[in-house]
PDB file of N, CA and C in Angstrom:
ATOM      1  N   MET A   1       0.813  -1.198   0.000  1.00  0.00           N
ATOM      2  CA  MET A   1       0.000   0.000   0.000  1.00  0.00           C
ATOM      3  C   MET A   1       0.858   1.263   0.000  1.00  0.00           C
ATOM      4  N   SER A   2       1.980   1.214  -0.624  1.00  0.00           N
ATOM      5  CA  SER A   2       2.883   2.354  -0.629  1.00  0.00           C
ATOM      6  C   SER A   2       2.365   3.510  -1.471  1.00  0.00           C
ATOM      7  N   HIS A   3       1.274   3.296  -2.232  1.00  0.00           N
ATOM      8  CA  HIS A   3       0.741   4.364  -3.070  1.00  0.00           C
ATOM      9  C   HIS A   3      -0.466   5.042  -2.440  1.00  0.00           C
ATOM     10  N   ALA A   4      -0.763   4.750  -1.183  1.00  0.00           N
ATOM     11  CA  ALA A   4      -1.879   5.392  -0.508  1.00  0.00           C
ATOM     12  C   ALA A   4      -1.632   6.892  -0.413  1.00  0.00           C
ATOM     13  N   VAL A   5      -2.681   7.671  -0.663  1.00  0.00           N
ATOM     14  CA  VAL A   5      -2.590   9.125  -0.572  1.00  0.00           C
ATOM     15  C   VAL A   5      -3.679   9.599   0.369  1.00  0.00           C
ATOM     16  N   ALA A   6      -3.333  10.520   1.255  1.00  0.00           N
ATOM     17  CA  ALA A   6      -4.312  11.108   2.162  1.00  0.00           C
ATOM     18  C   ALA A   6      -4.122  12.614   2.148  1.00  0.00           C
ATOM     19  N   ILE A   7      -5.225  13.339   2.297  1.00  0.00           N
ATOM     20  CA  ILE A   7      -5.166  14.799   2.345  1.00  0.00           C
ATOM     21  C   ILE A   7      -5.991  15.300   3.514  1.00  0.00           C
ATOM     22  N   GLY A   8      -5.679  16.489   3.981  1.00  0.00           N
ATOM     23  CA  GLY A   8      -6.424  17.110   5.060  1.00  0.00           C
ATOM     24  C   GLY A   8      -6.028  18.560   5.195  1.00  0.00           C
ATOM     25  N   SER A   9      -6.803  19.294   5.974  1.00  0.00           N
ATOM     26  CA  SER A   9      -6.471  20.704   6.192  1.00  0.00           C
ATOM     27  C   SER A   9      -6.939  21.140   7.567  1.00  0.00           C
ATOM     28  N   ALA A  10      -6.336  22.214   8.039  1.00  0.00           N
ATOM     29  CA  ALA A  10      -6.703  22.805   9.326  1.00  0.00           C
ATOM     30  C   ALA A  10      -6.380  24.289   9.275  1.00  0.00           C
ATOM     31  N   ARG A  11      -7.185  25.101   9.970  1.00  0.00           N
ATOM     32  CA  ARG A  11      -6.975  26.539  10.004  1.00  0.00           C
ATOM     33  C   ARG A  11      -5.949  26.885  11.072  1.00  0.00           C
ATOM     34  N   LEU A  12      -4.999  27.719  10.715  1.00  0.00           N
ATOM     35  CA  LEU A  12      -3.936  28.162  11.619  1.00  0.00           C
ATOM     36  C   LEU A  12      -4.515  29.208  12.565  1.00  0.00           C
ATOM     37  N   ILE A  13      -4.563  28.896  13.874  1.00  0.00           N
ATOM     38  CA  ILE A  13      -5.225  29.787  14.816  1.00  0.00           C
ATOM     39  C   ILE A  13      -4.282  30.541  15.749  1.00  0.00           C
ATOM     40  N   ASN A  14      -3.022  30.132  15.839  1.00  0.00           N
ATOM     41  CA  ASN A  14      -2.156  30.850  16.773  1.00  0.00           C
ATOM     42  C   ASN A  14      -1.829  32.232  16.226  1.00  0.00           C
ATOM     43  N   GLU A  15      -1.775  33.215  17.106  1.00  0.00           N
ATOM     44  CA  GLU A  15      -1.714  34.610  16.674  1.00  0.00           C
ATOM     45  C   GLU A  15      -0.422  35.019  15.993  1.00  0.00           C
ATOM     46  N   THR A  16       0.612  34.223  16.089  1.00  0.00           N
ATOM     47  CA  THR A  16       1.861  34.569  15.420  1.00  0.00           C
ATOM     48  C   THR A  16       2.084  33.771  14.140  1.00  0.00           C
ATOM     49  N   GLY A  17       1.114  32.970  13.747  1.00  0.00           N
ATOM     50  CA  GLY A  17       1.263  32.186  12.527  1.00  0.00           C
ATOM     51  C   GLY A  17       2.208  31.016  12.719  1.00  0.00           C
ATOM     52  N   LEU A  18       2.731  30.528  11.622  1.00  0.00           N
ATOM     53  CA  LEU A  18       3.619  29.359  11.661  1.00  0.00           C
ATOM     54  C   LEU A  18       5.046  29.836  11.906  1.00  0.00           C
ATOM     55  N   HIS A  19       5.303  30.288  13.135  1.00  0.00           N
ATOM     56  CA  HIS A  19       6.632  30.784  13.504  1.00  0.00           C
ATOM     57  C   HIS A  19       7.537  29.614  13.891  1.00  0.00           C
ATOM     58  N   ALA A  20       8.686  29.910  14.439  1.00  0.00           N
ATOM     59  CA  ALA A  20       9.727  28.899  14.665  1.00  0.00           C
ATOM     60  C   ALA A  20       9.269  27.702  15.501  1.00  0.00           C
ATOM     61  N   ARG A  21       8.703  27.944  16.683  1.00  0.00           N
ATOM     62  CA  ARG A  21       8.349  26.827  17.565  1.00  0.00           C
ATOM     63  C   ARG A  21       7.309  25.894  16.927  1.00  0.00           C
ATOM     64  N   PRO A  22       6.189  26.423  16.389  1.00  0.00           N
ATOM     65  CA  PRO A  22       5.253  25.510  15.719  1.00  0.00           C
ATOM     66  C   PRO A  22       5.861  24.815  14.503  1.00  0.00           C
ATOM     67  N   SER A  23       6.741  25.498  13.794  1.00  0.00           N
ATOM     68  CA  SER A  23       7.395  24.874  12.635  1.00  0.00           C
ATOM     69  C   SER A  23       8.200  23.659  13.057  1.00  0.00           C
ATOM     70  N   VAL A  24       8.929  23.789  14.157  1.00  0.00           N
ATOM     71  CA  VAL A  24       9.736  22.678  14.662  1.00  0.00           C
ATOM     72  C   VAL A  24       8.828  21.528  15.088  1.00  0.00           C
ATOM     73  N   LYS A  25       7.747  21.835  15.801  1.00  0.00           N
ATOM     74  CA  LYS A  25       6.820  20.781  16.233  1.00  0.00           C
ATOM     75  C   LYS A  25       6.214  20.069  15.030  1.00  0.00           C
ATOM     76  N   LEU A  26       5.859  20.836  14.014  1.00  0.00           N
ATOM     77  CA  LEU A  26       5.260  20.263  12.821  1.00  0.00           C
ATOM     78  C   LEU A  26       6.244  19.345  12.099  1.00  0.00           C
ATOM     79  N   THR A  27       7.479  19.790  11.922  1.00  0.00           N
ATOM     80  CA  THR A  27       8.463  18.953  11.219  1.00  0.00           C
ATOM     81  C   THR A  27       8.833  17.717  12.032  1.00  0.00           C
ATOM     82  N   GLN A  28       8.922  17.859  13.355  1.00  0.00           N
ATOM     83  CA  GLN A  28       9.226  16.688  14.181  1.00  0.00           C
ATOM     84  C   GLN A  28       8.125  15.644  14.069  1.00  0.00           C
ATOM     85  N   LEU A  29       6.875  16.100  14.074  1.00  0.00           N
ATOM     86  CA  LEU A  29       5.762  15.167  13.932  1.00  0.00           C
ATOM     87  C   LEU A  29       5.793  14.514  12.550  1.00  0.00           C
ATOM     88  N   ALA A  30       6.016  15.304  11.522  1.00  0.00           N
ATOM     89  CA  ALA A  30       6.079  14.753  10.162  1.00  0.00           C
ATOM     90  C   ALA A  30       7.170  13.694  10.046  1.00  0.00           C
ATOM     91  N   LYS A  31       8.313  13.949  10.662  1.00  0.00           N
ATOM     92  CA  LYS A  31       9.443  13.001  10.602  1.00  0.00           C
ATOM     93  C   LYS A  31       9.146  11.698  11.336  1.00  0.00           C
ATOM     94  N   SER A  32       8.156  11.707  12.215  1.00  0.00           N
ATOM     95  CA  SER A  32       7.820  10.489  12.951  1.00  0.00           C
ATOM     96  C   SER A  32       7.045   9.492  12.093  1.00  0.00           C
ATOM     97  N   PHE A  33       6.647   9.899  10.887  1.00  0.00           N
ATOM     98  CA  PHE A  33       5.929   9.019   9.967  1.00  0.00           C
ATOM     99  C   PHE A  33       6.843   8.614   8.819  1.00  0.00           C
ATOM    100  N   HIS A  34       6.637   7.408   8.328  1.00  0.00           N
ATOM    101  CA  HIS A  34       7.514   6.851   7.302  1.00  0.00           C
ATOM    102  C   HIS A  34       7.292   7.467   5.918  1.00  0.00           C
ATOM    103  N   GLY A  35       6.055   7.783   5.575  1.00  0.00           N
ATOM    104  CA  GLY A  35       5.734   8.263   4.232  1.00  0.00           C
ATOM    105  C   GLY A  35       6.184   9.694   3.968  1.00  0.00           C
ATOM    106  N   HIS A  36       5.856  10.165   2.778  1.00  0.00           N
ATOM    107  CA  HIS A  36       6.189  11.519   2.351  1.00  0.00           C
ATOM    108  C   HIS A  36       5.040  12.446   2.739  1.00  0.00           C
ATOM    109  N   ILE A  37       5.341  13.539   3.442  1.00  0.00           N
ATOM    110  CA  ILE A  37       4.311  14.471   3.889  1.00  0.00           C
ATOM    111  C   ILE A  37       4.636  15.851   3.347  1.00  0.00           C
ATOM    112  N   GLU A  38       3.625  16.478   2.740  1.00  0.00           N
ATOM    113  CA  GLU A  38       3.796  17.798   2.162  1.00  0.00           C
ATOM    114  C   GLU A  38       2.809  18.778   2.766  1.00  0.00           C
ATOM    115  N   LEU A  39       3.142  20.060   2.648  1.00  0.00           N
ATOM    116  CA  LEU A  39       2.376  21.151   3.237  1.00  0.00           C
ATOM    117  C   LEU A  39       2.181  22.237   2.194  1.00  0.00           C
ATOM    118  N   ALA A  40       0.997  22.874   2.206  1.00  0.00           N
ATOM    119  CA  ALA A  40       0.711  23.994   1.307  1.00  0.00           C
ATOM    120  C   ALA A  40      -0.293  24.920   1.968  1.00  0.00           C
ATOM    121  N   ILE A  41      -0.426  26.129   1.438  1.00  0.00           N
ATOM    122  CA  ILE A  41      -1.460  27.056   1.925  1.00  0.00           C
ATOM    123  C   ILE A  41      -2.590  27.189   0.911  1.00  0.00           C
ATOM    124  N   SER A  42      -2.559  26.362  -0.111  1.00  0.00           N
ATOM    125  CA  SER A  42      -3.622  26.286  -1.108  1.00  0.00           C
ATOM    126  C   SER A  42      -3.777  24.810  -1.475  1.00  0.00           C
ATOM    127  N   PRO A  43      -5.012  24.358  -1.707  1.00  0.00           N
ATOM    128  CA  PRO A  43      -5.172  22.952  -2.074  1.00  0.00           C
ATOM    129  C   PRO A  43      -4.488  22.600  -3.394  1.00  0.00           C
ATOM    130  N   ASP A  44      -4.127  23.616  -4.172  1.00  0.00           N
ATOM    131  CA  ASP A  44      -3.440  23.402  -5.445  1.00  0.00           C
ATOM    132  C   ASP A  44      -1.928  23.562  -5.336  1.00  0.00           C
ATOM    133  N   GLY A  45      -1.419  23.816  -4.128  1.00  0.00           N
ATOM    134  CA  GLY A  45       0.021  24.000  -3.935  1.00  0.00           C
ATOM    135  C   GLY A  45       0.419  25.450  -4.112  1.00  0.00           C
ATOM    136  N   PRO A  46       1.680  25.738  -4.205  1.00  0.00           N
ATOM    137  CA  PRO A  46       2.805  24.794  -4.294  1.00  0.00           C
ATOM    138  C   PRO A  46       3.021  24.052  -2.976  1.00  0.00           C
ATOM    139  N   TRP A  47       3.473  22.820  -3.082  1.00  0.00           N
ATOM    140  CA  TRP A  47       3.683  21.940  -1.945  1.00  0.00           C
ATOM    141  C   TRP A  47       5.146  21.955  -1.534  1.00  0.00           C
ATOM    142  N   ILE A  48       5.367  21.910  -0.211  1.00  0.00           N
ATOM    143  CA  ILE A  48       6.734  21.817   0.318  1.00  0.00           C
ATOM    144  C   ILE A  48       6.845  20.564   1.182  1.00  0.00           C
ATOM    145  N   ASN A  49       8.061  20.105   1.407  1.00  0.00           N
ATOM    146  CA  ASN A  49       8.320  18.942   2.248  1.00  0.00           C
ATOM    147  C   ASN A  49       8.102  19.322   3.709  1.00  0.00           C
ATOM    148  N   ALA A  50       7.095  18.730   4.346  1.00  0.00           N
ATOM    149  CA  ALA A  50       6.782  19.039   5.742  1.00  0.00           C
ATOM    150  C   ALA A  50       7.837  18.522   6.713  1.00  0.00           C
ATOM    151  N   LYS A  51       8.777  17.722   6.238  1.00  0.00           N
ATOM    152  CA  LYS A  51       9.846  17.203   7.093  1.00  0.00           C
ATOM    153  C   LYS A  51      11.084  18.102   7.065  1.00  0.00           C
ATOM    154  N   SER A  52      11.040  19.179   6.292  1.00  0.00           N
ATOM    155  CA  SER A  52      12.183  20.086   6.171  1.00  0.00           C
ATOM    156  C   SER A  52      11.993  21.315   7.050  1.00  0.00           C
ATOM    157  N   PRO A  53      12.729  21.408   8.173  1.00  0.00           N
ATOM    158  CA  PRO A  53      12.573  22.568   9.055  1.00  0.00           C
ATOM    159  C   PRO A  53      12.824  23.895   8.344  1.00  0.00           C
ATOM    160  N   VAL A  54      13.803  23.946   7.462  1.00  0.00           N
ATOM    161  CA  VAL A  54      14.126  25.183   6.751  1.00  0.00           C
ATOM    162  C   VAL A  54      12.958  25.604   5.855  1.00  0.00           C
ATOM    163  N   LYS A  55      12.396  24.656   5.118  1.00  0.00           N
ATOM    164  CA  LYS A  55      11.289  24.978   4.225  1.00  0.00           C
ATOM    165  C   LYS A  55      10.045  25.384   5.003  1.00  0.00           C
ATOM    166  N   VAL A  56       9.741  24.680   6.083  1.00  0.00           N
ATOM    167  CA  VAL A  56       8.546  24.999   6.871  1.00  0.00           C
ATOM    168  C   VAL A  56       8.697  26.359   7.553  1.00  0.00           C
ATOM    169  N   MET A  57       9.879  26.645   8.112  1.00  0.00           N
ATOM    170  CA  MET A  57      10.082  27.937   8.778  1.00  0.00           C
ATOM    171  C   MET A  57      10.024  29.104   7.797  1.00  0.00           C
ATOM    172  N   SER A  58      10.388  28.871   6.555  1.00  0.00           N
ATOM    173  CA  SER A  58      10.354  29.948   5.572  1.00  0.00           C
ATOM    174  C   SER A  58       9.013  30.017   4.844  1.00  0.00           C
ATOM    175  N   PHE A  59       8.059  29.244   5.298  1.00  0.00           N
ATOM    176  CA  PHE A  59       6.769  29.101   4.638  1.00  0.00           C
ATOM    177  C   PHE A  59       5.886  30.347   4.724  1.00  0.00           C
ATOM    178  N   GLN A  60       6.049  31.133   5.772  1.00  0.00           N
ATOM    179  CA  GLN A  60       5.319  32.403   5.929  1.00  0.00           C
ATOM    180  C   GLN A  60       3.804  32.235   6.021  1.00  0.00           C
ATOM    181  N   ALA A  61       3.322  31.184   6.669  1.00  0.00           N
ATOM    182  CA  ALA A  61       1.885  31.010   6.870  1.00  0.00           C
ATOM    183  C   ALA A  61       1.447  31.888   8.040  1.00  0.00           C
ATOM    184  N   GLU A  62       0.393  32.644   7.840  1.00  0.00           N
ATOM    185  CA  GLU A  62      -0.086  33.591   8.837  1.00  0.00           C
ATOM    186  C   GLU A  62      -1.377  33.106   9.484  1.00  0.00           C
ATOM    187  N   THR A  63      -1.690  33.704  10.634  1.00  0.00           N
ATOM    188  CA  THR A  63      -2.914  33.380  11.350  1.00  0.00           C
ATOM    189  C   THR A  63      -4.121  33.499  10.436  1.00  0.00           C
ATOM    190  N   GLY A  64      -5.015  32.515  10.539  1.00  0.00           N
ATOM    191  CA  GLY A  64      -6.234  32.517   9.746  1.00  0.00           C
ATOM    192  C   GLY A  64      -6.122  31.761   8.436  1.00  0.00           C
ATOM    193  N   MET A  65      -4.906  31.496   7.990  1.00  0.00           N
ATOM    194  CA  MET A  65      -4.724  30.721   6.754  1.00  0.00           C
ATOM    195  C   MET A  65      -5.018  29.253   7.031  1.00  0.00           C
ATOM    196  N   SER A  66      -5.433  28.552   6.012  1.00  0.00           N
ATOM    197  CA  SER A  66      -5.585  27.102   6.123  1.00  0.00           C
ATOM    198  C   SER A  66      -4.294  26.446   5.677  1.00  0.00           C
ATOM    199  N   LEU A  67      -3.899  25.448   6.423  1.00  0.00           N
ATOM    200  CA  LEU A  67      -2.742  24.636   6.060  1.00  0.00           C
ATOM    201  C   LEU A  67      -3.278  23.338   5.463  1.00  0.00           C
ATOM    202  N   TYR A  68      -2.776  22.977   4.313  1.00  0.00           N
ATOM    203  CA  TYR A  68      -3.190  21.760   3.630  1.00  0.00           C
ATOM    204  C   TYR A  68      -2.056  20.745   3.720  1.00  0.00           C
ATOM    205  N   PHE A  69      -2.431  19.514   4.022  1.00  0.00           N
ATOM    206  CA  PHE A  69      -1.457  18.440   4.153  1.00  0.00           C
ATOM    207  C   PHE A  69      -1.769  17.350   3.139  1.00  0.00           C
ATOM    208  N   ARG A  70      -0.718  16.755   2.595  1.00  0.00           N
ATOM    209  CA  ARG A  70      -0.853  15.650   1.656  1.00  0.00           C
ATOM    210  C   ARG A  70       0.228  14.638   2.014  1.00  0.00           C
ATOM    211  N   ALA A  71      -0.192  13.403   2.197  1.00  0.00           N
ATOM    212  CA  ALA A  71       0.762  12.350   2.565  1.00  0.00           C
ATOM    213  C   ALA A  71       0.598  11.167   1.630  1.00  0.00           C
ATOM    214  N   THR A  72       1.722  10.526   1.333  1.00  0.00           N
ATOM    215  CA  THR A  72       1.706   9.316   0.524  1.00  0.00           C
ATOM    216  C   THR A  72       2.533   8.251   1.225  1.00  0.00           C
ATOM    217  N   GLY A  73       2.167   7.025   0.982  1.00  0.00           N
ATOM    218  CA  GLY A  73       2.920   5.920   1.553  1.00  0.00           C
ATOM    219  C   GLY A  73       2.235   5.319   2.767  1.00  0.00           C
ATOM    220  N   GLU A  74       2.964   4.416   3.386  1.00  0.00           N
ATOM    221  CA  GLU A  74       2.459   3.708   4.552  1.00  0.00           C
ATOM    222  C   GLU A  74       2.121   4.683   5.677  1.00  0.00           C
ATOM    223  N   GLY A  75       0.943   4.529   6.254  1.00  0.00           N
ATOM    224  CA  GLY A  75       0.535   5.390   7.359  1.00  0.00           C
ATOM    225  C   GLY A  75       0.085   6.779   6.946  1.00  0.00           C
ATOM    226  N   ALA A  76      -0.230   6.970   5.664  1.00  0.00           N
ATOM    227  CA  ALA A  76      -0.596   8.300   5.174  1.00  0.00           C
ATOM    228  C   ALA A  76      -1.798   8.881   5.921  1.00  0.00           C
ATOM    229  N   SER A  77      -2.831   8.077   6.128  1.00  0.00           N
ATOM    230  CA  SER A  77      -4.026   8.572   6.827  1.00  0.00           C
ATOM    231  C   SER A  77      -3.721   8.965   8.263  1.00  0.00           C
ATOM    232  N   ASP A  78      -2.922   8.149   8.939  1.00  0.00           N
ATOM    233  CA  ASP A  78      -2.544   8.459  10.322  1.00  0.00           C
ATOM    234  C   ASP A  78      -1.708   9.737  10.381  1.00  0.00           C
ATOM    235  N   ALA A  79      -0.827   9.905   9.410  1.00  0.00           N
ATOM    236  CA  ALA A  79       0.019  11.098   9.369  1.00  0.00           C
ATOM    237  C   ALA A  79      -0.832  12.356   9.218  1.00  0.00           C
ATOM    238  N   ILE A  80      -1.794  12.316   8.300  1.00  0.00           N
ATOM    239  CA  ILE A  80      -2.652  13.483   8.075  1.00  0.00           C
ATOM    240  C   ILE A  80      -3.479  13.772   9.313  1.00  0.00           C
ATOM    241  N   ALA A  81      -4.041  12.745   9.921  1.00  0.00           N
ATOM    242  CA  ALA A  81      -4.839  12.950  11.133  1.00  0.00           C
ATOM    243  C   ALA A  81      -4.002  13.608  12.226  1.00  0.00           C
ATOM    244  N   ALA A  82      -2.763  13.170  12.379  1.00  0.00           N
ATOM    245  CA  ALA A  82      -1.885  13.725  13.416  1.00  0.00           C
ATOM    246  C   ALA A  82      -1.496  15.170  13.103  1.00  0.00           C
ATOM    247  N   MET A  83      -1.205  15.468  11.841  1.00  0.00           N
ATOM    248  CA  MET A  83      -0.813  16.825  11.459  1.00  0.00           C
ATOM    249  C   MET A  83      -1.975  17.799  11.669  1.00  0.00           C
ATOM    250  N   VAL A  84      -3.166  17.402  11.241  1.00  0.00           N
ATOM    251  CA  VAL A  84      -4.354  18.252  11.415  1.00  0.00           C
ATOM    252  C   VAL A  84      -4.620  18.473  12.900  1.00  0.00           C
ATOM    253  N   ALA A  85      -4.531  17.414  13.705  1.00  0.00           N
ATOM    254  CA  ALA A  85      -4.760  17.529  15.147  1.00  0.00           C
ATOM    255  C   ALA A  85      -3.761  18.478  15.794  1.00  0.00           C
ATOM    256  N   LEU A  86      -2.500  18.428  15.367  1.00  0.00           N
ATOM    257  CA  LEU A  86      -1.480  19.325  15.919  1.00  0.00           C
ATOM    258  C   LEU A  86      -1.846  20.780  15.668  1.00  0.00           C
ATOM    259  N   VAL A  87      -2.257  21.103  14.463  1.00  0.00           N
ATOM    260  CA  VAL A  87      -2.639  22.480  14.131  1.00  0.00           C
ATOM    261  C   VAL A  87      -3.897  22.877  14.896  1.00  0.00           C
ATOM    262  N   GLU A  88      -4.876  21.982  14.945  1.00  0.00           N
ATOM    263  CA  GLU A  88      -6.144  22.289  15.619  1.00  0.00           C
ATOM    264  C   GLU A  88      -5.978  22.516  17.110  1.00  0.00           C
ATOM    265  N   ARG A  89      -4.970  21.891  17.715  1.00  0.00           N
ATOM    266  CA  ARG A  89      -4.754  22.129  19.149  1.00  0.00           C
ATOM    267  C   ARG A  89      -3.676  23.194  19.365  1.00  0.00           C
ATOM    268  N   ASN A  90      -3.464  24.011  18.341  1.00  0.00           N
ATOM    269  CA  ASN A  90      -2.568  25.174  18.425  1.00  0.00           C
ATOM    270  C   ASN A  90      -1.144  24.783  18.795  1.00  0.00           C
ATOM    271  N   PHE A  91      -0.683  23.655  18.269  1.00  0.00           N
ATOM    272  CA  PHE A  91       0.692  23.201  18.479  1.00  0.00           C
ATOM    273  C   PHE A  91       1.026  23.019  19.959  1.00  0.00           C
ATOM    274  N   GLY A  92      -0.004  22.806  20.788  1.00  0.00           N
ATOM    275  CA  GLY A  92       0.198  22.620  22.222  1.00  0.00           C
ATOM    276  C   GLY A  92       0.561  23.893  22.954  1.00  0.00           C
ATOM    277  N   GLU A  93       0.305  25.033  22.337  1.00  0.00           N
ATOM    278  CA  GLU A  93       0.678  26.318  22.936  1.00  0.00           C
ATOM    279  C   GLU A  93      -0.466  27.008  23.656  1.00  0.00           C
ATOM    280  N   GLY A  94      -1.561  26.298  23.932  1.00  0.00           N
ATOM    281  CA  GLY A  94      -2.681  26.917  24.634  1.00  0.00           C
ATOM    282  C   GLY A  94      -3.563  27.682  23.678  1.00  0.00           C
ATOM    283  N   ASN A  95      -4.623  28.267  24.219  1.00  0.00           N
ATOM    284  CA  ASN A  95      -5.557  29.007  23.385  1.00  0.00           C
ATOM    285  C   ASN A  95      -4.999  30.368  23.007  1.00  0.00           C
ATOM    286  N   PRO A  96      -5.067  30.719  21.729  1.00  0.00           N
ATOM    287  CA  PRO A  96      -4.595  32.044  21.317  1.00  0.00           C
ATOM    288  C   PRO A  96      -5.599  33.111  21.719  1.00  0.00           C
ATOM    289  N   ARG A  97      -5.136  34.333  21.858  1.00  0.00           N
ATOM    290  CA  ARG A  97      -6.049  35.429  22.131  1.00  0.00           C
ATOM    291  C   ARG A  97      -6.954  35.626  20.949  1.00  0.00           C
ATOM    292  N   GLY A  98      -8.248  35.862  21.254  1.00  0.00           N
ATOM    293  CA  GLY A  98      -9.196  36.139  20.202  1.00  0.00           C
ATOM    294  C   GLY A  98      -9.689  34.904  19.468  1.00  0.00           C
ATOM    295  N   ALA A  99      -9.375  33.716  19.979  1.00  0.00           N
ATOM    296  CA  ALA A  99      -9.846  32.505  19.326  1.00  0.00           C
ATOM    297  C   ALA A  99     -11.350  32.366  19.533  1.00  0.00           C
ATOM    298  N   ASP A 100     -11.983  31.667  18.641  1.00  0.00           N
ATOM    299  CA  ASP A 100     -13.424  31.483  18.709  1.00  0.00           C
ATOM    300  C   ASP A 100     -13.843  30.580  19.859  1.00  0.00           C
ATOM    301  N   GLY A 101     -12.895  29.868  20.439  1.00  0.00           N
ATOM    302  CA  GLY A 101     -13.161  29.093  21.642  1.00  0.00           C
ATOM    303  C   GLY A 101     -13.931  27.813  21.405  1.00  0.00           C
ATOM    304  N   ASP A 102     -13.745  27.163  20.276  1.00  0.00           N
ATOM    305  CA  ASP A 102     -14.455  25.914  20.049  1.00  0.00           C
ATOM    306  C   ASP A 102     -13.619  24.715  20.489  1.00  0.00           C
ATOM    307  N   SER A 103     -12.979  24.867  21.644  1.00  0.00           N
ATOM    308  CA  SER A 103     -12.170  23.789  22.209  1.00  0.00           C
ATOM    309  C   SER A 103     -13.066  22.652  22.667  1.00  0.00           C
ATOM    310  N   HIS A 104     -12.557  21.443  22.565  1.00  0.00           N
ATOM    311  CA  HIS A 104     -13.348  20.272  22.945  1.00  0.00           C
ATOM    312  C   HIS A 104     -12.901  19.660  24.256  1.00  0.00           C
ATOM    313  N   GLY A 105     -12.202  20.381  25.059  1.00  0.00           N
ATOM    314  CA  GLY A 105     -11.840  19.740  26.309  1.00  0.00           C
ATOM    315  C   GLY A 105     -10.789  20.460  26.976  1.00  0.00           C
TER     316      GLY A 105
END
């Protein structure tokens, strides 16, 4: 099943956007999966390697943008679910100011 493809997206809610700390968390999580994981701010791309800290940090994603994920290979669905969950829980940085407050717990 090395040709499995999964896609997903999540809205970036932290007030500083995809800055250094969230970028590192995102790339570390991506590296924990065997398949190829890509990131974009449009469903049409351009796509970057989500496992590359340099590329992710230079991505310039701002608050309110949607992050799109695409994974291929073994564990693609699990990888996408984990990446989306990381963004949705604000990279573990707590609730941002001005968030809509739709936290589930």
